[in-house]
């Protein structure tokens, strides 16, 4: 970690920790959450009316840390994830996984923060053992799988590719 980042963290450690917890609650890394803020501000502030004011309020809330309500929601989400008793696979550049890998897992599987996830020979039985797929840039799925059933388990997927 660079000295500048370390100083920032020391000076605003409470803010950093609260935002880190918020990011984790949404299945994101803190740098992704921070990178999303300017995009949100630009999107909402293009119409400087009410939307612009909301964008500025959002940025102010982020800078100030998030409200207790949001903190409680993030904590509740983390508690729910822990209570669900799922196997979390995360922070991988590329992962190829078979239906056998998924169905023989000791508990339902949650895939998170993966750049490219290839579900090679997924069937309905394996699909039922997937808890969630969160924050994946490229998801490759077999043509034979029910896309609606699979996609309702997904959040923050940039691109879905159907393989043949």
N, C-alpha and C. Protein backbone atom coordinates (compact mmCIF):
# COMPACT_ATOMS: atom_id res chain seq x y z
N UNK A 1 0.85 -1.17 0.00
CA UNK A 1 0.00 0.00 0.00
C UNK A 1 0.89 1.23 0.00
N UNK A 2 0.52 2.20 -0.79
CA UNK A 2 1.35 3.40 -0.88
C UNK A 2 1.24 4.21 0.40
N UNK A 3 2.23 5.04 0.62
CA UNK A 3 2.24 5.89 1.81
C UNK A 3 1.03 6.82 1.82
N UNK A 4 0.67 7.35 0.63
CA UNK A 4 -0.46 8.28 0.54
C UNK A 4 -1.75 7.57 0.96
N UNK A 5 -1.99 6.36 0.44
CA UNK A 5 -3.18 5.61 0.81
C UNK A 5 -3.17 5.27 2.29
N UNK A 6 -2.02 4.92 2.83
CA UNK A 6 -1.91 4.58 4.23
C UNK A 6 -2.24 5.79 5.09
N UNK A 7 -1.75 6.96 4.72
CA UNK A 7 -2.05 8.19 5.46
C UNK A 7 -3.53 8.50 5.40
N UNK A 8 -4.13 8.30 4.24
CA UNK A 8 -5.56 8.54 4.08
C UNK A 8 -6.33 7.62 5.01
N UNK A 9 -5.95 6.35 5.03
CA UNK A 9 -6.64 5.39 5.88
C UNK A 9 -6.49 5.74 7.36
N UNK A 10 -5.29 6.18 7.78
CA UNK A 10 -5.06 6.53 9.18
C UNK A 10 -5.87 7.77 9.57
N UNK A 11 -5.93 8.73 8.67
CA UNK A 11 -6.64 9.97 8.97
C UNK A 11 -8.15 9.80 8.98
N UNK A 12 -8.63 8.86 8.23
CA UNK A 12 -10.08 8.66 8.11
C UNK A 12 -10.41 7.18 8.34
N UNK A 13 -9.77 6.57 9.33
CA UNK A 13 -9.92 5.13 9.51
C UNK A 13 -11.36 4.72 9.78
N UNK A 14 -12.08 5.51 10.55
CA UNK A 14 -13.49 5.16 10.82
C UNK A 14 -14.30 5.22 9.54
N UNK A 15 -14.13 6.29 8.77
CA UNK A 15 -14.83 6.44 7.49
C UNK A 15 -14.45 5.30 6.55
N UNK A 16 -13.17 5.00 6.49
CA UNK A 16 -12.69 3.93 5.61
C UNK A 16 -13.30 2.59 6.01
N UNK A 17 -13.29 2.29 7.30
CA UNK A 17 -13.83 1.00 7.76
C UNK A 17 -15.33 0.90 7.51
N UNK A 18 -16.05 1.99 7.73
CA UNK A 18 -17.50 1.98 7.49
C UNK A 18 -17.80 1.78 6.01
N UNK A 19 -17.06 2.46 5.15
CA UNK A 19 -17.29 2.30 3.72
C UNK A 19 -16.81 0.94 3.22
N UNK A 20 -15.77 0.40 3.84
CA UNK A 20 -15.30 -0.95 3.51
C UNK A 20 -16.40 -1.97 3.82
N UNK A 21 -17.05 -1.78 4.98
CA UNK A 21 -18.13 -2.67 5.38
C UNK A 21 -19.32 -2.53 4.43
N UNK A 22 -19.62 -1.31 4.02
CA UNK A 22 -20.70 -1.08 3.06
C UNK A 22 -20.40 -1.78 1.74
N UNK A 23 -19.19 -1.64 1.26
CA UNK A 23 -18.79 -2.28 0.00
C UNK A 23 -18.93 -3.79 0.11
N UNK A 24 -18.47 -4.36 1.21
CA UNK A 24 -18.57 -5.81 1.41
C UNK A 24 -20.03 -6.24 1.44
N UNK A 25 -20.87 -5.45 2.06
CA UNK A 25 -22.29 -5.75 2.12
C UNK A 25 -22.95 -5.81 0.76
N UNK A 26 -22.42 -5.06 -0.19
CA UNK A 26 -22.94 -5.06 -1.55
C UNK A 26 -22.16 -5.99 -2.47
N UNK A 27 -21.26 -6.77 -1.89
CA UNK A 27 -20.49 -7.71 -2.70
C UNK A 27 -19.47 -7.03 -3.60
N UNK A 28 -18.99 -5.87 -3.19
CA UNK A 28 -18.02 -5.13 -3.99
C UNK A 28 -16.76 -4.91 -3.17
N UNK A 29 -15.70 -4.60 -3.89
CA UNK A 29 -14.48 -4.19 -3.21
C UNK A 29 -14.58 -2.68 -2.99
N UNK A 30 -13.91 -2.17 -1.97
CA UNK A 30 -14.05 -0.75 -1.64
C UNK A 30 -13.63 0.16 -2.79
N UNK A 31 -12.59 -0.23 -3.54
CA UNK A 31 -12.17 0.62 -4.66
C UNK A 31 -13.25 0.66 -5.74
N UNK A 32 -14.03 -0.42 -5.92
CA UNK A 32 -15.12 -0.41 -6.89
C UNK A 32 -16.23 0.53 -6.42
N UNK A 33 -16.53 0.52 -5.12
CA UNK A 33 -17.53 1.41 -4.57
C UNK A 33 -17.11 2.87 -4.77
N UNK A 34 -15.85 3.16 -4.48
CA UNK A 34 -15.32 4.52 -4.64
C UNK A 34 -15.34 4.92 -6.11
N UNK A 35 -14.98 4.00 -7.00
CA UNK A 35 -15.00 4.30 -8.44
C UNK A 35 -16.41 4.52 -8.97
N UNK A 36 -17.42 3.89 -8.35
CA UNK A 36 -18.80 4.06 -8.79
C UNK A 36 -19.36 5.43 -8.44
N UNK A 37 -18.81 6.08 -7.42
CA UNK A 37 -19.36 7.36 -6.97
C UNK A 37 -19.31 8.46 -8.03
N UNK A 38 -18.17 8.69 -8.69
CA UNK A 38 -18.17 9.74 -9.72
C UNK A 38 -19.14 9.44 -10.87
N UNK A 39 -19.25 8.15 -11.25
CA UNK A 39 -20.20 7.78 -12.31
C UNK A 39 -21.62 8.12 -11.89
N UNK A 40 -21.95 7.80 -10.65
CA UNK A 40 -23.29 8.09 -10.14
C UNK A 40 -23.53 9.59 -10.13
N UNK A 41 -22.52 10.34 -9.70
CA UNK A 41 -22.65 11.79 -9.65
C UNK A 41 -22.85 12.37 -11.05
N UNK A 42 -22.05 11.91 -12.02
CA UNK A 42 -22.17 12.43 -13.38
C UNK A 42 -23.52 12.07 -13.99
N UNK A 43 -24.00 10.86 -13.73
CA UNK A 43 -25.28 10.43 -14.27
C UNK A 43 -26.40 11.30 -13.74
N UNK A 44 -26.43 11.49 -12.43
CA UNK A 44 -27.52 12.24 -11.83
C UNK A 44 -27.39 13.75 -11.98
N UNK A 45 -26.17 14.24 -12.13
CA UNK A 45 -26.01 15.68 -12.20
C UNK A 45 -26.11 16.23 -13.61
N UNK A 46 -26.31 15.37 -14.62
CA UNK A 46 -26.46 15.87 -15.98
C UNK A 46 -27.68 16.77 -16.09
N UNK A 47 -28.70 16.49 -15.31
CA UNK A 47 -29.86 17.37 -15.19
C UNK A 47 -29.72 18.02 -13.83
N UNK A 48 -29.21 19.27 -13.80
CA UNK A 48 -28.86 19.89 -12.52
C UNK A 48 -30.07 20.31 -11.70
N UNK A 49 -31.23 19.83 -12.05
CA UNK A 49 -32.40 20.09 -11.23
C UNK A 49 -32.36 19.23 -9.99
N UNK A 50 -33.46 18.57 -9.72
CA UNK A 50 -33.58 17.73 -8.53
C UNK A 50 -32.57 16.59 -8.54
N UNK A 51 -32.32 16.02 -9.72
CA UNK A 51 -31.37 14.92 -9.82
C UNK A 51 -29.96 15.39 -9.44
N UNK A 52 -29.59 16.57 -9.87
CA UNK A 52 -28.27 17.10 -9.53
C UNK A 52 -28.10 17.28 -8.04
N UNK A 53 -29.16 17.75 -7.39
CA UNK A 53 -29.11 17.91 -5.94
C UNK A 53 -28.99 16.56 -5.25
N UNK A 54 -29.71 15.56 -5.77
CA UNK A 54 -29.61 14.21 -5.20
C UNK A 54 -28.20 13.66 -5.36
N UNK A 55 -27.59 13.94 -6.52
CA UNK A 55 -26.22 13.45 -6.75
C UNK A 55 -25.26 14.08 -5.75
N UNK A 56 -25.40 15.38 -5.56
CA UNK A 56 -24.52 16.05 -4.60
C UNK A 56 -24.75 15.52 -3.19
N UNK A 57 -25.99 15.24 -2.86
CA UNK A 57 -26.32 14.68 -1.55
C UNK A 57 -25.70 13.30 -1.40
N UNK A 58 -25.74 12.51 -2.47
CA UNK A 58 -25.15 11.18 -2.46
C UNK A 58 -23.64 11.26 -2.23
N UNK A 59 -22.99 12.17 -2.92
CA UNK A 59 -21.55 12.34 -2.75
C UNK A 59 -21.24 12.81 -1.33
N UNK A 60 -22.03 13.75 -0.82
CA UNK A 60 -21.81 14.23 0.55
C UNK A 60 -21.98 13.08 1.54
N UNK A 61 -23.01 12.25 1.32
CA UNK A 61 -23.22 11.11 2.21
C UNK A 61 -22.04 10.15 2.17
N UNK A 62 -21.49 9.95 0.98
CA UNK A 62 -20.35 9.06 0.85
C UNK A 62 -19.14 9.64 1.58
N UNK A 63 -18.90 10.93 1.39
CA UNK A 63 -17.76 11.57 2.04
C UNK A 63 -17.93 11.55 3.56
N UNK A 64 -19.14 11.79 4.01
CA UNK A 64 -19.40 11.78 5.45
C UNK A 64 -19.49 10.37 6.03
N UNK A 65 -19.37 9.38 5.18
CA UNK A 65 -19.70 8.02 5.60
C UNK A 65 -21.17 7.86 5.31
N UNK A 66 -21.69 6.72 5.47
CA UNK A 66 -23.10 6.54 5.17
C UNK A 66 -23.91 6.65 6.44
N UNK A 67 -25.19 6.84 6.28
CA UNK A 67 -26.05 7.05 7.44
C UNK A 67 -26.17 5.78 8.26
N UNK A 68 -26.63 5.93 9.46
CA UNK A 68 -26.82 4.77 10.34
C UNK A 68 -27.79 3.77 9.70
N UNK A 69 -28.83 4.27 9.01
CA UNK A 69 -29.78 3.36 8.36
C UNK A 69 -29.05 2.50 7.33
N UNK A 70 -28.24 3.13 6.49
CA UNK A 70 -27.49 2.37 5.49
C UNK A 70 -26.51 1.43 6.15
N UNK A 71 -25.88 1.88 7.24
CA UNK A 71 -24.94 1.02 7.95
C UNK A 71 -25.67 -0.19 8.51
N UNK A 72 -26.85 0.03 9.08
CA UNK A 72 -27.63 -1.08 9.61
C UNK A 72 -28.05 -2.05 8.50
N UNK A 73 -28.43 -1.50 7.33
CA UNK A 73 -28.80 -2.34 6.20
C UNK A 73 -27.61 -3.17 5.74
N UNK A 74 -26.44 -2.56 5.65
CA UNK A 74 -25.24 -3.29 5.23
C UNK A 74 -24.89 -4.37 6.25
N UNK A 75 -24.99 -4.03 7.54
CA UNK A 75 -24.72 -5.02 8.57
C UNK A 75 -25.71 -6.17 8.52
N UNK A 76 -26.98 -5.84 8.27
CA UNK A 76 -28.01 -6.88 8.16
C UNK A 76 -27.74 -7.78 6.97
N UNK A 77 -27.33 -7.18 5.86
CA UNK A 77 -27.03 -7.97 4.67
C UNK A 77 -25.85 -8.91 4.94
N UNK A 78 -24.82 -8.40 5.61
CA UNK A 78 -23.67 -9.25 5.97
C UNK A 78 -24.10 -10.37 6.90
N UNK A 79 -24.95 -10.06 7.87
CA UNK A 79 -25.45 -11.06 8.80
C UNK A 79 -26.24 -12.12 8.05
N UNK A 80 -27.10 -11.70 7.12
CA UNK A 80 -27.88 -12.64 6.33
C UNK A 80 -26.98 -13.54 5.50
N UNK A 81 -25.92 -12.96 4.90
CA UNK A 81 -25.00 -13.77 4.10
C UNK A 81 -24.32 -14.81 4.98
N UNK A 82 -23.89 -14.41 6.17
CA UNK A 82 -23.23 -15.34 7.07
C UNK A 82 -24.22 -16.40 7.54
N UNK A 83 -25.45 -15.99 7.83
CA UNK A 83 -26.46 -16.92 8.31
C UNK A 83 -26.87 -17.92 7.23
N UNK A 84 -26.72 -17.54 5.97
CA UNK A 84 -27.12 -18.43 4.88
C UNK A 84 -26.22 -19.65 4.79
N UNK A 85 -25.05 -19.57 5.36
CA UNK A 85 -24.12 -20.69 5.35
C UNK A 85 -23.81 -21.13 3.92
N UNK A 86 -23.20 -20.24 3.19
CA UNK A 86 -22.81 -20.52 1.80
C UNK A 86 -21.30 -20.57 1.69
N UNK A 87 -20.85 -21.25 0.67
CA UNK A 87 -19.43 -21.32 0.34
C UNK A 87 -19.14 -20.18 -0.62
N UNK A 88 -18.28 -19.23 -0.22
CA UNK A 88 -18.00 -18.05 -1.04
C UNK A 88 -16.70 -18.25 -1.80
N UNK A 89 -16.78 -18.13 -3.12
CA UNK A 89 -15.62 -18.18 -4.00
C UNK A 89 -15.47 -16.77 -4.56
N UNK A 90 -14.33 -16.09 -4.29
CA UNK A 90 -14.25 -14.69 -4.70
C UNK A 90 -12.84 -14.26 -5.08
N UNK A 91 -12.81 -13.08 -5.73
CA UNK A 91 -11.57 -12.38 -6.07
C UNK A 91 -10.65 -13.23 -6.94
N UNK A 92 -11.18 -13.68 -8.08
CA UNK A 92 -10.44 -14.51 -9.03
C UNK A 92 -10.50 -13.87 -10.41
N UNK A 93 -9.42 -13.91 -11.13
CA UNK A 93 -9.35 -13.35 -12.48
C UNK A 93 -10.24 -14.15 -13.44
N UNK A 94 -10.04 -15.47 -13.50
CA UNK A 94 -10.82 -16.33 -14.40
C UNK A 94 -11.02 -17.67 -13.74
N UNK A 95 -12.26 -18.18 -13.83
CA UNK A 95 -12.59 -19.46 -13.21
C UNK A 95 -13.48 -20.27 -14.15
N UNK A 96 -13.07 -21.50 -14.45
CA UNK A 96 -13.87 -22.47 -15.20
C UNK A 96 -14.35 -23.48 -14.18
N UNK A 97 -15.66 -23.69 -14.11
CA UNK A 97 -16.19 -24.60 -13.10
C UNK A 97 -17.25 -25.51 -13.72
N UNK A 98 -17.24 -26.77 -13.31
CA UNK A 98 -18.15 -27.75 -13.87
C UNK A 98 -19.34 -27.98 -12.95
N UNK A 99 -20.37 -28.65 -13.48
CA UNK A 99 -21.53 -28.97 -12.65
C UNK A 99 -21.13 -29.89 -11.49
N UNK A 100 -20.16 -30.77 -11.73
CA UNK A 100 -19.71 -31.67 -10.67
C UNK A 100 -19.07 -30.87 -9.53
N UNK A 101 -18.29 -29.85 -9.87
CA UNK A 101 -17.68 -29.00 -8.83
C UNK A 101 -18.76 -28.37 -7.95
N UNK A 102 -19.82 -27.93 -8.59
CA UNK A 102 -20.89 -27.22 -7.87
C UNK A 102 -21.73 -28.19 -7.05
N UNK A 103 -22.12 -29.31 -7.65
CA UNK A 103 -23.02 -30.25 -6.96
C UNK A 103 -22.34 -31.00 -5.83
N UNK A 104 -21.02 -31.13 -5.87
CA UNK A 104 -20.32 -31.85 -4.79
C UNK A 104 -19.83 -30.91 -3.68
N UNK A 105 -20.08 -29.63 -3.84
CA UNK A 105 -19.70 -28.67 -2.78
C UNK A 105 -20.51 -28.97 -1.52
N UNK A 106 -19.92 -28.69 -0.38
CA UNK A 106 -20.55 -29.02 0.90
C UNK A 106 -21.76 -28.14 1.23
N UNK A 107 -21.86 -26.99 0.58
CA UNK A 107 -22.99 -26.07 0.79
C UNK A 107 -23.22 -25.28 -0.48
N UNK A 108 -24.32 -24.53 -0.57
CA UNK A 108 -24.55 -23.70 -1.76
C UNK A 108 -23.38 -22.75 -1.99
N UNK A 109 -23.12 -22.44 -3.26
CA UNK A 109 -21.94 -21.66 -3.64
C UNK A 109 -22.35 -20.26 -4.07
N UNK A 110 -21.57 -19.27 -3.63
CA UNK A 110 -21.73 -17.89 -4.06
C UNK A 110 -20.43 -17.46 -4.75
N UNK A 111 -20.53 -17.04 -6.01
CA UNK A 111 -19.38 -16.57 -6.77
C UNK A 111 -19.39 -15.05 -6.74
N UNK A 112 -18.24 -14.42 -6.35
CA UNK A 112 -18.19 -12.97 -6.21
C UNK A 112 -16.87 -12.41 -6.72
N UNK A 113 -16.96 -11.23 -7.30
CA UNK A 113 -15.76 -10.49 -7.72
C UNK A 113 -14.84 -11.33 -8.60
N UNK A 114 -15.40 -11.85 -9.68
CA UNK A 114 -14.65 -12.67 -10.62
C UNK A 114 -14.70 -11.99 -11.98
N UNK A 115 -13.56 -11.83 -12.59
CA UNK A 115 -13.52 -11.15 -13.88
C UNK A 115 -14.23 -11.97 -14.96
N UNK A 116 -13.87 -13.25 -15.08
CA UNK A 116 -14.50 -14.12 -16.09
C UNK A 116 -14.86 -15.45 -15.44
N UNK A 117 -16.16 -15.75 -15.40
CA UNK A 117 -16.65 -16.99 -14.80
C UNK A 117 -17.28 -17.84 -15.90
N UNK A 118 -16.76 -19.05 -16.10
CA UNK A 118 -17.27 -19.96 -17.12
C UNK A 118 -17.94 -21.14 -16.42
N UNK A 119 -19.26 -21.24 -16.58
CA UNK A 119 -20.00 -22.37 -16.05
C UNK A 119 -20.14 -23.37 -17.19
N UNK A 120 -19.31 -24.40 -17.17
CA UNK A 120 -19.09 -25.24 -18.35
C UNK A 120 -20.25 -26.13 -18.75
N UNK A 121 -20.76 -26.94 -17.87
CA UNK A 121 -21.79 -27.91 -18.24
C UNK A 121 -22.94 -27.88 -17.24
N UNK A 122 -23.35 -26.70 -16.90
CA UNK A 122 -24.35 -26.46 -15.87
C UNK A 122 -25.68 -27.13 -16.22
N UNK A 123 -26.28 -27.79 -15.23
CA UNK A 123 -27.63 -28.33 -15.39
C UNK A 123 -28.49 -27.82 -14.24
N UNK A 124 -29.77 -28.21 -14.22
CA UNK A 124 -30.69 -27.70 -13.21
C UNK A 124 -30.26 -28.08 -11.79
N UNK A 125 -29.75 -29.27 -11.61
CA UNK A 125 -29.29 -29.71 -10.30
C UNK A 125 -28.14 -28.82 -9.79
N UNK A 126 -27.19 -28.54 -10.65
CA UNK A 126 -26.08 -27.66 -10.27
C UNK A 126 -26.58 -26.24 -10.04
N UNK A 127 -27.49 -25.78 -10.89
CA UNK A 127 -28.04 -24.43 -10.74
C UNK A 127 -28.70 -24.26 -9.37
N UNK A 128 -29.37 -25.28 -8.91
CA UNK A 128 -30.02 -25.22 -7.60
C UNK A 128 -29.02 -25.12 -6.45
N UNK A 129 -27.78 -25.48 -6.69
CA UNK A 129 -26.74 -25.39 -5.65
C UNK A 129 -25.93 -24.09 -5.75
N UNK A 130 -26.32 -23.19 -6.66
CA UNK A 130 -25.69 -21.87 -6.74
C UNK A 130 -26.56 -20.89 -5.97
N UNK A 131 -25.98 -20.27 -4.95
CA UNK A 131 -26.70 -19.29 -4.15
C UNK A 131 -26.77 -17.95 -4.88
N UNK A 132 -25.61 -17.49 -5.39
CA UNK A 132 -25.57 -16.19 -6.04
C UNK A 132 -24.31 -16.05 -6.89
N UNK A 133 -24.41 -15.13 -7.86
CA UNK A 133 -23.27 -14.74 -8.69
C UNK A 133 -23.26 -13.21 -8.66
N UNK A 134 -22.23 -12.64 -8.04
CA UNK A 134 -22.21 -11.19 -7.79
C UNK A 134 -20.92 -10.58 -8.31
N UNK A 135 -21.06 -9.47 -9.02
CA UNK A 135 -19.93 -8.67 -9.49
C UNK A 135 -18.98 -9.48 -10.37
N UNK A 136 -19.51 -9.93 -11.51
CA UNK A 136 -18.73 -10.69 -12.48
C UNK A 136 -18.72 -9.88 -13.78
N UNK A 137 -17.54 -9.66 -14.34
CA UNK A 137 -17.46 -8.90 -15.59
C UNK A 137 -18.00 -9.69 -16.77
N UNK A 138 -17.61 -10.96 -16.88
CA UNK A 138 -18.04 -11.78 -18.01
C UNK A 138 -18.48 -13.15 -17.50
N UNK A 139 -19.75 -13.48 -17.71
CA UNK A 139 -20.31 -14.75 -17.29
C UNK A 139 -20.62 -15.57 -18.54
N UNK A 140 -20.00 -16.74 -18.64
CA UNK A 140 -20.21 -17.63 -19.79
C UNK A 140 -21.06 -18.81 -19.30
N UNK A 141 -22.22 -18.99 -19.96
CA UNK A 141 -23.16 -20.03 -19.55
C UNK A 141 -23.49 -20.94 -20.73
N UNK A 142 -23.86 -22.20 -20.44
CA UNK A 142 -24.23 -23.10 -21.53
C UNK A 142 -25.59 -22.71 -22.12
N UNK A 143 -25.77 -23.00 -23.38
CA UNK A 143 -27.00 -22.67 -24.09
C UNK A 143 -28.19 -23.41 -23.49
N UNK A 144 -27.96 -24.59 -22.95
CA UNK A 144 -29.03 -25.45 -22.48
C UNK A 144 -29.68 -25.01 -21.16
N UNK A 145 -29.05 -24.12 -20.41
CA UNK A 145 -29.56 -23.75 -19.09
C UNK A 145 -30.67 -22.70 -19.19
N UNK A 146 -31.62 -22.76 -18.28
CA UNK A 146 -32.70 -21.77 -18.21
C UNK A 146 -32.10 -20.45 -17.74
N UNK A 147 -32.03 -19.50 -18.65
CA UNK A 147 -31.38 -18.22 -18.35
C UNK A 147 -32.11 -17.43 -17.28
N UNK A 148 -33.43 -17.48 -17.27
CA UNK A 148 -34.20 -16.73 -16.27
C UNK A 148 -33.89 -17.25 -14.87
N UNK A 149 -33.87 -18.57 -14.70
CA UNK A 149 -33.56 -19.14 -13.39
C UNK A 149 -32.15 -18.78 -12.94
N UNK A 150 -31.21 -18.80 -13.88
CA UNK A 150 -29.83 -18.45 -13.54
C UNK A 150 -29.69 -16.96 -13.24
N UNK A 151 -30.23 -16.12 -14.09
CA UNK A 151 -30.02 -14.68 -13.95
C UNK A 151 -30.70 -14.09 -12.72
N UNK A 152 -31.71 -14.75 -12.19
CA UNK A 152 -32.31 -14.22 -10.96
C UNK A 152 -31.39 -14.41 -9.75
N UNK A 153 -30.34 -15.19 -9.91
CA UNK A 153 -29.34 -15.37 -8.86
C UNK A 153 -28.17 -14.41 -9.05
N UNK A 154 -28.21 -13.61 -10.10
CA UNK A 154 -27.09 -12.74 -10.47
C UNK A 154 -27.32 -11.29 -10.06
N UNK A 155 -26.19 -10.62 -9.78
CA UNK A 155 -26.21 -9.18 -9.48
C UNK A 155 -24.89 -8.58 -9.97
N UNK A 156 -24.97 -7.47 -10.62
CA UNK A 156 -23.79 -6.75 -11.13
C UNK A 156 -22.96 -7.61 -12.09
N UNK A 157 -23.61 -8.07 -13.14
CA UNK A 157 -22.94 -8.83 -14.20
C UNK A 157 -22.83 -7.91 -15.39
N UNK A 158 -21.62 -7.69 -15.90
CA UNK A 158 -21.44 -6.77 -17.02
C UNK A 158 -21.81 -7.39 -18.36
N UNK A 159 -21.48 -8.68 -18.56
CA UNK A 159 -21.71 -9.31 -19.86
C UNK A 159 -22.01 -10.78 -19.67
N UNK A 160 -23.06 -11.27 -20.36
CA UNK A 160 -23.40 -12.69 -20.34
C UNK A 160 -23.19 -13.24 -21.75
N UNK A 161 -22.42 -14.32 -21.83
CA UNK A 161 -22.15 -14.97 -23.12
C UNK A 161 -22.73 -16.38 -23.04
N UNK A 162 -23.53 -16.73 -24.06
CA UNK A 162 -24.10 -18.07 -24.14
C UNK A 162 -23.21 -18.91 -25.04
N UNK A 163 -22.63 -19.97 -24.47
CA UNK A 163 -21.75 -20.84 -25.25
C UNK A 163 -22.58 -21.90 -25.97
N UNK A 164 -21.99 -22.45 -27.01
CA UNK A 164 -22.72 -23.47 -27.80
C UNK A 164 -22.25 -24.85 -27.50
